[in-house]
Amino acid sequence: MVRRAVDARRFRTAAAHYAVGRPAYPPAFIAEVARVSGLTRSDRLLDLGTGPGVLALAFAPYVGFVLAVDPEPEMLRIAREAVAAAGTPIEVREGSSETLGSEWGRFRAVTMGRSFHWMDRAETLRRLDALVAPDGALLLFNDELAGVPSNAAVRAWGQVVERYSADDRVRMERKSPEWQHHEEVLRASPFSRIDSLVTLHTSSVTPEVLVHRALSMSATSAARLGPRTEAMLADIDAALAPFGRELSETIEWTAIIARRPETFSA
């Protein structure tokens, strides 16, 4: 499926809401992915499509160097602030899958959190083949709402977000029967040996956080919705009103670990 050009500034208004609104990566899950990937303090890691730097910061304790890259200036500003506040030696740089090159160096691992679907995936994997160490891995993360009764409030929120994002062209492409899942694209690439780790994580969430989450998504960002933004926020308030202030959500977290077929698990 051929992707049409995407607005390069889709996340300019979403950036301020991203770190607050998106579900936080469970620390124990990150630790397990790092262990299975065989990461050490002598390794270099690339976080491609870093956004506000959340995944880069999560993996920094497990490697010796992190390069965090994103094309959106506002995301980079927030990432640099977060890195400075954490006192973590992460290099934050403007760039994207389209500017991947040998001058970036070699990496033992490349992380992508909610970003791979924005890329020309086949071309990105071809370029990464030249940058990832022979025993290295690609680590792709995804989160989905688990089908449990305690997620009723977040499902009600999701129904509102679904209505307001239904006419987004990029979202429609990803929902199309022609859209290839990441695993299909990876199996046709040099990184064709795929393993997955899955975990369930339950935490509390507030209506305010879910408002930030809606505004952090490109399909329901203020930049895309424009005058419809206030109507969406009013509908979210109405949908969540019956559930009170302290809500629960259980997220199913998945990490796809893709390696070259000649490498072996740690």
C-alpha atoms as a PDB file:
ATOM      1  CA  MET A   1       0.000   0.000   0.000  1.00  0.00           C
ATOM      2  CA  VAL A   2       1.467   3.373  -1.035  1.00  0.00           C
ATOM      3  CA  ARG A   3       1.348   6.025   1.664  1.00  0.00           C
ATOM      4  CA  ARG A   4       0.482   9.535   0.555  1.00  0.00           C
ATOM      5  CA  ALA A   5       2.339  12.509   1.951  1.00  0.00           C
ATOM      6  CA  VAL A   6       1.488  13.298   5.585  1.00  0.00           C
ATOM      7  CA  ASP A   7       1.414  16.745   7.175  1.00  0.00           C
ATOM      8  CA  ALA A   8       4.851  16.998   8.779  1.00  0.00           C
ATOM      9  CA  ARG A   9       3.470  19.169  11.613  1.00  0.00           C
ATOM     10  CA  ARG A  10       0.565  16.949  12.666  1.00  0.00           C
ATOM     11  CA  PHE A  11       1.921  16.778  16.193  1.00  0.00           C
ATOM     12  CA  ARG A  12       2.701  20.468  16.737  1.00  0.00           C
ATOM     13  CA  THR A  13      -0.259  20.973  19.102  1.00  0.00           C
ATOM     14  CA  ALA A  14      -0.334  17.366  20.307  1.00  0.00           C
ATOM     15  CA  ALA A  15       3.197  17.526  21.731  1.00  0.00           C
ATOM     16  CA  ALA A  16       2.260  19.408  24.914  1.00  0.00           C
ATOM     17  CA  HIS A  17      -0.329  16.733  25.798  1.00  0.00           C
ATOM     18  CA  TYR A  18       1.647  13.620  24.873  1.00  0.00           C
ATOM     19  CA  ALA A  19       3.729  12.821  27.954  1.00  0.00           C
ATOM     20  CA  VAL A  20       0.811  13.687  30.264  1.00  0.00           C
ATOM     21  CA  GLY A  21      -1.924  11.854  28.382  1.00  0.00           C
ATOM     22  CA  ARG A  22      -0.409   8.696  26.954  1.00  0.00           C
ATOM     23  CA  PRO A  23      -0.195   5.555  29.106  1.00  0.00           C
ATOM     24  CA  ALA A  24       3.209   5.285  30.781  1.00  0.00           C
ATOM     25  CA  TYR A  25       5.471   2.400  29.785  1.00  0.00           C
ATOM     26  CA  PRO A  26       5.567  -0.034  32.753  1.00  0.00           C
ATOM     27  CA  PRO A  27       9.135   0.017  34.154  1.00  0.00           C
ATOM     28  CA  ALA A  28       9.154  -3.745  34.755  1.00  0.00           C
ATOM     29  CA  PHE A  29       8.172  -4.359  31.129  1.00  0.00           C
ATOM     30  CA  ILE A  30      10.970  -2.115  29.860  1.00  0.00           C
ATOM     31  CA  ALA A  31      13.426  -3.968  32.097  1.00  0.00           C
ATOM     32  CA  GLU A  32      12.285  -7.325  30.710  1.00  0.00           C
ATOM     33  CA  VAL A  33      12.568  -6.137  27.086  1.00  0.00           C
ATOM     34  CA  ALA A  34      16.081  -4.843  27.810  1.00  0.00           C
ATOM     35  CA  ARG A  35      17.029  -8.188  29.375  1.00  0.00           C
ATOM     36  CA  VAL A  36      15.643 -10.299  26.531  1.00  0.00           C
ATOM     37  CA  SER A  37      17.358  -8.019  24.015  1.00  0.00           C
ATOM     38  CA  GLY A  38      20.679  -8.519  25.789  1.00  0.00           C
ATOM     39  CA  LEU A  39      21.322  -4.808  26.234  1.00  0.00           C
ATOM     40  CA  THR A  40      24.365  -3.748  28.243  1.00  0.00           C
ATOM     41  CA  ARG A  41      25.893  -0.488  29.437  1.00  0.00           C
ATOM     42  CA  SER A  42      28.350  -0.644  26.539  1.00  0.00           C
ATOM     43  CA  ASP A  43      25.583  -0.512  23.903  1.00  0.00           C
ATOM     44  CA  ARG A  44      24.233   2.385  21.841  1.00  0.00           C
ATOM     45  CA  LEU A  45      20.465   2.748  21.324  1.00  0.00           C
ATOM     46  CA  LEU A  46      18.496   4.811  18.805  1.00  0.00           C
ATOM     47  CA  ASP A  47      14.972   5.949  19.724  1.00  0.00           C
ATOM     48  CA  LEU A  48      13.424   6.721  16.333  1.00  0.00           C
ATOM     49  CA  GLY A  49      10.389   8.993  16.517  1.00  0.00           C
ATOM     50  CA  THR A  50      11.118   9.802  20.138  1.00  0.00           C
ATOM     51  CA  GLY A  51       8.292  12.319  20.623  1.00  0.00           C
ATOM     52  CA  PRO A  52       8.749  13.844  24.094  1.00  0.00           C
ATOM     53  CA  GLY A  53      11.523  11.340  24.878  1.00  0.00           C
ATOM     54  CA  VAL A  54       9.564   8.985  27.128  1.00  0.00           C
ATOM     55  CA  LEU A  55      10.933   5.727  25.685  1.00  0.00           C
ATOM     56  CA  ALA A  56      14.458   7.122  25.380  1.00  0.00           C
ATOM     57  CA  LEU A  57      14.424   7.986  29.082  1.00  0.00           C
ATOM     58  CA  ALA A  58      13.007   4.561  29.965  1.00  0.00           C
ATOM     59  CA  PHE A  59      15.836   2.701  28.205  1.00  0.00           C
ATOM     60  CA  ALA A  60      18.685   5.037  29.202  1.00  0.00           C
ATOM     61  CA  PRO A  61      19.558   3.074  32.400  1.00  0.00           C
ATOM     62  CA  TYR A  62      20.140  -0.099  30.364  1.00  0.00           C
ATOM     63  CA  VAL A  63      22.581   1.208  27.731  1.00  0.00           C
ATOM     64  CA  GLY A  64      25.601   3.470  27.521  1.00  0.00           C
ATOM     65  CA  PHE A  65      24.272   5.976  24.973  1.00  0.00           C
ATOM     66  CA  VAL A  66      20.860   6.987  23.606  1.00  0.00           C
ATOM     67  CA  LEU A  67      20.234   9.047  20.480  1.00  0.00           C
ATOM     68  CA  ALA A  68      16.632  10.350  20.510  1.00  0.00           C
ATOM     69  CA  VAL A  69      15.382  11.578  17.122  1.00  0.00           C
ATOM     70  CA  ASP A  70      12.142  13.248  16.026  1.00  0.00           C
ATOM     71  CA  PRO A  71      11.106  15.567  13.157  1.00  0.00           C
ATOM     72  CA  GLU A  72       8.688  17.739  15.180  1.00  0.00           C
ATOM     73  CA  PRO A  73      10.356  20.829  16.750  1.00  0.00           C
ATOM     74  CA  GLU A  74       7.829  21.056  19.573  1.00  0.00           C
ATOM     75  CA  MET A  75       8.344  17.406  20.493  1.00  0.00           C
ATOM     76  CA  LEU A  76      12.106  18.003  20.520  1.00  0.00           C
ATOM     77  CA  ARG A  77      11.739  21.031  22.804  1.00  0.00           C
ATOM     78  CA  ILE A  78       9.748  18.990  25.329  1.00  0.00           C
ATOM     79  CA  ALA A  79      12.135  16.021  25.035  1.00  0.00           C
ATOM     80  CA  ARG A  80      15.149  18.240  25.749  1.00  0.00           C
ATOM     81  CA  GLU A  81      13.421  19.672  28.815  1.00  0.00           C
ATOM     82  CA  ALA A  82      12.606  16.164  30.079  1.00  0.00           C
ATOM     83  CA  VAL A  83      16.159  14.938  29.497  1.00  0.00           C
ATOM     84  CA  ALA A  84      17.613  17.973  31.282  1.00  0.00           C
ATOM     85  CA  ALA A  85      15.242  17.501  34.236  1.00  0.00           C
ATOM     86  CA  ALA A  86      16.210  13.830  34.507  1.00  0.00           C
ATOM     87  CA  GLY A  87      19.919  14.594  34.276  1.00  0.00           C
ATOM     88  CA  THR A  88      20.297  11.732  31.814  1.00  0.00           C
ATOM     89  CA  PRO A  89      22.964  11.871  29.078  1.00  0.00           C
ATOM     90  CA  ILE A  90      20.682  11.475  26.064  1.00  0.00           C
ATOM     91  CA  GLU A  91      21.389  13.244  22.783  1.00  0.00           C
ATOM     92  CA  VAL A  92      18.190  14.739  21.330  1.00  0.00           C
ATOM     93  CA  ARG A  93      18.439  15.504  17.630  1.00  0.00           C
ATOM     94  CA  GLU A  94      16.109  16.621  14.858  1.00  0.00           C
ATOM     95  CA  GLY A  95      15.717  13.892  12.262  1.00  0.00           C
ATOM     96  CA  SER A  96      13.474  11.140  11.001  1.00  0.00           C
ATOM     97  CA  SER A  97      13.414   7.808   9.216  1.00  0.00           C
ATOM     98  CA  GLU A  98      13.945   9.783   6.004  1.00  0.00           C
ATOM     99  CA  THR A  99      17.266  11.190   7.214  1.00  0.00           C
ATOM    100  CA  LEU A 100      18.712   7.962   8.619  1.00  0.00           C
ATOM    101  CA  GLY A 101      22.346   7.697   7.590  1.00  0.00           C
ATOM    102  CA  SER A 102      25.718   6.222   8.438  1.00  0.00           C
ATOM    103  CA  GLU A 103      26.771   9.441  10.194  1.00  0.00           C
ATOM    104  CA  TRP A 104      24.393   8.477  13.018  1.00  0.00           C
ATOM    105  CA  GLY A 105      26.703   5.599  13.942  1.00  0.00           C
ATOM    106  CA  ARG A 106      25.970   1.973  14.802  1.00  0.00           C
ATOM    107  CA  PHE A 107      23.389   0.787  17.322  1.00  0.00           C
ATOM    108  CA  ARG A 108      22.687  -2.400  19.246  1.00  0.00           C
ATOM    109  CA  ALA A 109      18.982  -1.583  19.395  1.00  0.00           C
ATOM    110  CA  VAL A 110      16.442   0.736  17.805  1.00  0.00           C
ATOM    111  CA  THR A 111      13.271   1.518  19.726  1.00  0.00           C
ATOM    112  CA  MET A 112      10.068   2.817  18.174  1.00  0.00           C
ATOM    113  CA  GLY A 113       7.086   3.619  20.355  1.00  0.00           C
ATOM    114  CA  ARG A 114       3.888   4.340  18.427  1.00  0.00           C
ATOM    115  CA  SER A 115       5.948   5.704  15.522  1.00  0.00           C
ATOM    116  CA  PHE A 116       6.681   2.952  12.975  1.00  0.00           C
ATOM    117  CA  HIS A 117       3.317   3.309  11.222  1.00  0.00           C
ATOM    118  CA  TRP A 118       4.190   6.904  10.281  1.00  0.00           C
ATOM    119  CA  MET A 119       7.205   5.792   8.253  1.00  0.00           C
ATOM    120  CA  ASP A 120       7.877   4.275   4.874  1.00  0.00           C
ATOM    121  CA  ARG A 121       8.407   1.033   6.728  1.00  0.00           C
ATOM    122  CA  ALA A 122      10.183  -1.014   4.047  1.00  0.00           C
ATOM    123  CA  GLU A 123      12.624   1.794   3.272  1.00  0.00           C
ATOM    124  CA  THR A 124      13.210   2.476   6.974  1.00  0.00           C
ATOM    125  CA  LEU A 125      14.075  -1.179   7.571  1.00  0.00           C
ATOM    126  CA  ARG A 126      16.443  -1.163   4.591  1.00  0.00           C
ATOM    127  CA  ARG A 127      18.275   1.847   6.036  1.00  0.00           C
ATOM    128  CA  LEU A 128      18.345   0.408   9.534  1.00  0.00           C
ATOM    129  CA  ASP A 129      20.010  -2.735   8.210  1.00  0.00           C
ATOM    130  CA  ALA A 130      23.138  -0.624   7.659  1.00  0.00           C
ATOM    131  CA  LEU A 131      23.030   0.923  11.147  1.00  0.00           C
ATOM    132  CA  VAL A 132      22.073  -1.944  13.467  1.00  0.00           C
ATOM    133  CA  ALA A 133      24.804  -4.244  14.793  1.00  0.00           C
ATOM    134  CA  PRO A 134      24.766  -7.863  13.521  1.00  0.00           C
ATOM    135  CA  ASP A 135      23.346  -9.094  16.840  1.00  0.00           C
ATOM    136  CA  GLY A 136      21.114  -6.061  17.286  1.00  0.00           C
ATOM    137  CA  ALA A 137      17.344  -5.769  17.442  1.00  0.00           C
ATOM    138  CA  LEU A 138      14.436  -3.515  16.582  1.00  0.00           C
ATOM    139  CA  LEU A 139      12.046  -2.978  19.501  1.00  0.00           C
ATOM    140  CA  LEU A 140       8.540  -1.855  18.505  1.00  0.00           C
ATOM    141  CA  PHE A 141       6.033  -1.014  21.224  1.00  0.00           C
ATOM    142  CA  ASN A 142       2.250  -0.907  21.146  1.00  0.00           C
ATOM    143  CA  ASP A 143      -0.502  -0.511  23.725  1.00  0.00           C
ATOM    144  CA  GLU A 144      -4.139  -1.576  23.477  1.00  0.00           C
ATOM    145  CA  LEU A 145      -7.000  -1.321  25.922  1.00  0.00           C
ATOM    146  CA  ALA A 146      -7.631  -4.785  27.390  1.00  0.00           C
ATOM    147  CA  GLY A 147     -11.122  -6.253  27.097  1.00  0.00           C
ATOM    148  CA  VAL A 148     -11.951  -6.251  30.805  1.00  0.00           C
ATOM    149  CA  PRO A 149     -15.052  -4.823  32.563  1.00  0.00           C
ATOM    150  CA  SER A 150     -13.000  -2.336  34.609  1.00  0.00           C
ATOM    151  CA  ASN A 151     -12.110  -0.508  31.386  1.00  0.00           C
ATOM    152  CA  ALA A 152     -15.691   0.681  30.874  1.00  0.00           C
ATOM    153  CA  ALA A 153     -14.868   4.365  31.446  1.00  0.00           C
ATOM    154  CA  VAL A 154     -11.897   4.384  29.099  1.00  0.00           C
ATOM    155  CA  ARG A 155     -13.952   2.542  26.473  1.00  0.00           C
ATOM    156  CA  ALA A 156     -16.615   5.281  26.731  1.00  0.00           C
ATOM    157  CA  TRP A 157     -13.854   7.849  26.196  1.00  0.00           C
ATOM    158  CA  GLY A 158     -12.602   5.826  23.224  1.00  0.00           C
ATOM    159  CA  GLN A 159     -15.983   5.860  21.556  1.00  0.00           C
ATOM    160  CA  VAL A 160     -15.955   9.660  21.549  1.00  0.00           C
ATOM    161  CA  VAL A 161     -12.408   9.776  20.174  1.00  0.00           C
ATOM    162  CA  GLU A 162     -13.385   7.243  17.510  1.00  0.00           C
ATOM    163  CA  ARG A 163     -16.226   9.473  16.291  1.00  0.00           C
ATOM    164  CA  TYR A 164     -14.025  12.539  15.964  1.00  0.00           C
ATOM    165  CA  SER A 165     -11.158  10.687  14.294  1.00  0.00           C
ATOM    166  CA  ALA A 166     -13.271   8.684  11.847  1.00  0.00           C
ATOM    167  CA  ASP A 167     -12.707  11.122   8.974  1.00  0.00           C
ATOM    168  CA  ASP A 168      -8.930  11.308   9.361  1.00  0.00           C
ATOM    169  CA  ARG A 169      -7.255  10.122   6.145  1.00  0.00           C
ATOM    170  CA  VAL A 170      -4.178   8.600   7.792  1.00  0.00           C
ATOM    171  CA  ARG A 171      -6.303   6.716  10.308  1.00  0.00           C
ATOM    172  CA  MET A 172      -8.510   5.389   7.477  1.00  0.00           C
ATOM    173  CA  GLU A 173      -5.414   4.059   5.688  1.00  0.00           C
ATOM    174  CA  ARG A 174      -4.331   2.143   8.804  1.00  0.00           C
ATOM    175  CA  LYS A 175      -7.848   0.687   9.203  1.00  0.00           C
ATOM    176  CA  SER A 176      -7.963  -0.373   5.543  1.00  0.00           C
ATOM    177  CA  PRO A 177      -7.870  -4.110   4.658  1.00  0.00           C
ATOM    178  CA  GLU A 178      -4.858  -3.246   2.476  1.00  0.00           C
ATOM    179  CA  TRP A 179      -2.798  -2.097   5.466  1.00  0.00           C
ATOM    180  CA  GLN A 180      -0.006  -4.544   6.328  1.00  0.00           C
ATOM    181  CA  HIS A 181       0.600  -5.282   9.985  1.00  0.00           C
ATOM    182  CA  HIS A 182       4.084  -4.537  11.262  1.00  0.00           C
ATOM    183  CA  GLU A 183       4.912  -8.238  11.517  1.00  0.00           C
ATOM    184  CA  GLU A 184       4.196  -8.745   7.803  1.00  0.00           C
ATOM    185  CA  VAL A 185       6.494  -5.874   6.863  1.00  0.00           C
ATOM    186  CA  LEU A 186       9.227  -7.136   9.190  1.00  0.00           C
ATOM    187  CA  ARG A 187       9.093 -10.691   7.804  1.00  0.00           C
ATOM    188  CA  ALA A 188       9.888  -9.291   4.345  1.00  0.00           C
ATOM    189  CA  SER A 189      12.858  -7.342   5.723  1.00  0.00           C
ATOM    190  CA  PRO A 190      16.367  -8.207   6.985  1.00  0.00           C
ATOM    191  CA  PHE A 191      14.825  -8.262  10.506  1.00  0.00           C
ATOM    192  CA  SER A 192      12.580 -11.220   9.821  1.00  0.00           C
ATOM    193  CA  ARG A 193      12.957 -13.223  13.044  1.00  0.00           C
ATOM    194  CA  ILE A 194      10.221 -11.934  15.326  1.00  0.00           C
ATOM    195  CA  ASP A 195       9.546 -12.523  18.998  1.00  0.00           C
ATOM    196  CA  SER A 196       6.947 -10.768  21.141  1.00  0.00           C
ATOM    197  CA  LEU A 197       6.575  -9.932  24.789  1.00  0.00           C
ATOM    198  CA  VAL A 198       3.130  -9.123  26.184  1.00  0.00           C
ATOM    199  CA  THR A 199       2.033  -7.903  29.589  1.00  0.00           C
ATOM    200  CA  LEU A 200      -1.079  -6.483  31.236  1.00  0.00           C
ATOM    201  CA  HIS A 201      -0.723  -3.416  33.432  1.00  0.00           C
ATOM    202  CA  THR A 202      -3.461  -1.779  35.503  1.00  0.00           C
ATOM    203  CA  SER A 203      -3.273   1.794  36.753  1.00  0.00           C
ATOM    204  CA  SER A 204      -5.536   4.666  37.721  1.00  0.00           C
ATOM    205  CA  VAL A 205      -6.369   7.498  35.345  1.00  0.00           C
ATOM    206  CA  THR A 206      -8.356  10.716  35.677  1.00  0.00           C
ATOM    207  CA  PRO A 207     -10.714  12.443  33.240  1.00  0.00           C
ATOM    208  CA  GLU A 208      -8.130  15.237  32.869  1.00  0.00           C
ATOM    209  CA  VAL A 209      -5.497  12.752  31.740  1.00  0.00           C
ATOM    210  CA  LEU A 210      -7.898  11.321  29.163  1.00  0.00           C
ATOM    211  CA  VAL A 211      -8.548  14.825  27.816  1.00  0.00           C
ATOM    212  CA  HIS A 212      -4.787  15.229  27.363  1.00  0.00           C
ATOM    213  CA  ARG A 213      -4.685  11.801  25.705  1.00  0.00           C
ATOM    214  CA  ALA A 214      -7.301  12.766  23.139  1.00  0.00           C
ATOM    215  CA  LEU A 215      -5.468  15.990  22.343  1.00  0.00           C
ATOM    216  CA  SER A 216      -2.161  14.088  22.061  1.00  0.00           C
ATOM    217  CA  MET A 217      -3.426  12.033  19.125  1.00  0.00           C
ATOM    218  CA  SER A 218      -2.836  13.442  15.678  1.00  0.00           C
ATOM    219  CA  ALA A 219      -6.338  12.506  14.489  1.00  0.00           C
ATOM    220  CA  THR A 220      -7.995  14.379  17.381  1.00  0.00           C
ATOM    221  CA  SER A 221      -5.420  17.104  17.976  1.00  0.00           C
ATOM    222  CA  ALA A 222      -6.484  20.721  18.073  1.00  0.00           C
ATOM    223  CA  ALA A 223      -4.424  21.290  14.921  1.00  0.00           C
ATOM    224  CA  ARG A 224      -6.602  18.841  12.972  1.00  0.00           C
ATOM    225  CA  LEU A 225     -10.007  19.351  14.576  1.00  0.00           C
ATOM    226  CA  GLY A 226      -9.861  23.134  14.731  1.00  0.00           C
ATOM    227  CA  PRO A 227     -13.310  24.497  15.752  1.00  0.00           C
ATOM    228  CA  ARG A 228     -14.528  20.948  16.506  1.00  0.00           C
ATOM    229  CA  THR A 229     -12.071  20.604  19.390  1.00  0.00           C
ATOM    230  CA  GLU A 230     -14.364  22.151  22.015  1.00  0.00           C
ATOM    231  CA  ALA A 231     -17.254  19.934  20.949  1.00  0.00           C
ATOM    232  CA  MET A 232     -15.076  16.837  21.375  1.00  0.00           C
ATOM    233  CA  LEU A 233     -13.966  17.922  24.840  1.00  0.00           C
ATOM    234  CA  ALA A 234     -17.586  18.523  25.873  1.00  0.00           C
ATOM    235  CA  ASP A 235     -18.536  15.060  24.603  1.00  0.00           C
ATOM    236  CA  ILE A 236     -15.651  13.496  26.548  1.00  0.00           C
ATOM    237  CA  ASP A 237     -16.808  15.219  29.730  1.00  0.00           C
ATOM    238  CA  ALA A 238     -20.340  13.943  29.205  1.00  0.00           C
ATOM    239  CA  ALA A 239     -19.187  10.381  28.457  1.00  0.00           C
ATOM    240  CA  LEU A 240     -17.011  10.221  31.589  1.00  0.00           C
ATOM    241  CA  ALA A 241     -19.389  11.992  33.998  1.00  0.00           C
ATOM    242  CA  PRO A 242     -21.145   8.783  35.180  1.00  0.00           C
ATOM    243  CA  PHE A 243     -17.832   7.169  36.190  1.00  0.00           C
ATOM    244  CA  GLY A 244     -16.529   9.625  38.773  1.00  0.00           C
ATOM    245  CA  ARG A 245     -13.052  11.042  39.233  1.00  0.00           C
ATOM    246  CA  GLU A 246     -10.815   7.996  39.806  1.00  0.00           C
ATOM    247  CA  LEU A 247     -10.911   5.646  36.855  1.00  0.00           C
ATOM    248  CA  SER A 248      -9.124   2.376  36.219  1.00  0.00           C
ATOM    249  CA  GLU A 249      -7.537   1.181  33.002  1.00  0.00           C
ATOM    250  CA  THR A 250      -5.830  -2.055  32.096  1.00  0.00           C
ATOM    251  CA  ILE A 251      -3.489  -1.848  29.128  1.00  0.00           C
ATOM    252  CA  GLU A 252      -2.131  -4.750  27.110  1.00  0.00           C
ATOM    253  CA  TRP A 253       1.445  -3.834  26.262  1.00  0.00           C
ATOM    254  CA  THR A 254       3.250  -5.535  23.380  1.00  0.00           C
ATOM    255  CA  ALA A 255       6.905  -5.348  22.396  1.00  0.00           C
ATOM    256  CA  ILE A 256       7.856  -6.786  19.015  1.00  0.00           C
ATOM    257  CA  ILE A 257      11.525  -7.803  19.014  1.00  0.00           C
ATOM    258  CA  ALA A 258      12.798  -8.179  15.446  1.00  0.00           C
ATOM    259  CA  ARG A 259      16.243  -9.537  14.660  1.00  0.00           C
ATOM    260  CA  ARG A 260      18.097 -10.886  11.664  1.00  0.00           C
ATOM    261  CA  PRO A 261      17.427 -14.615  11.172  1.00  0.00           C
ATOM    262  CA  GLU A 262      21.045 -15.636  11.813  1.00  0.00           C
ATOM    263  CA  THR A 263      21.104 -14.152  15.341  1.00  0.00           C
ATOM    264  CA  PHE A 264      20.044 -15.992  18.446  1.00  0.00           C
ATOM    265  CA  SER A 265      18.054 -14.992  21.524  1.00  0.00           C
ATOM    266  CA  ALA A 266      19.977 -13.706  24.538  1.00  0.00           C
END
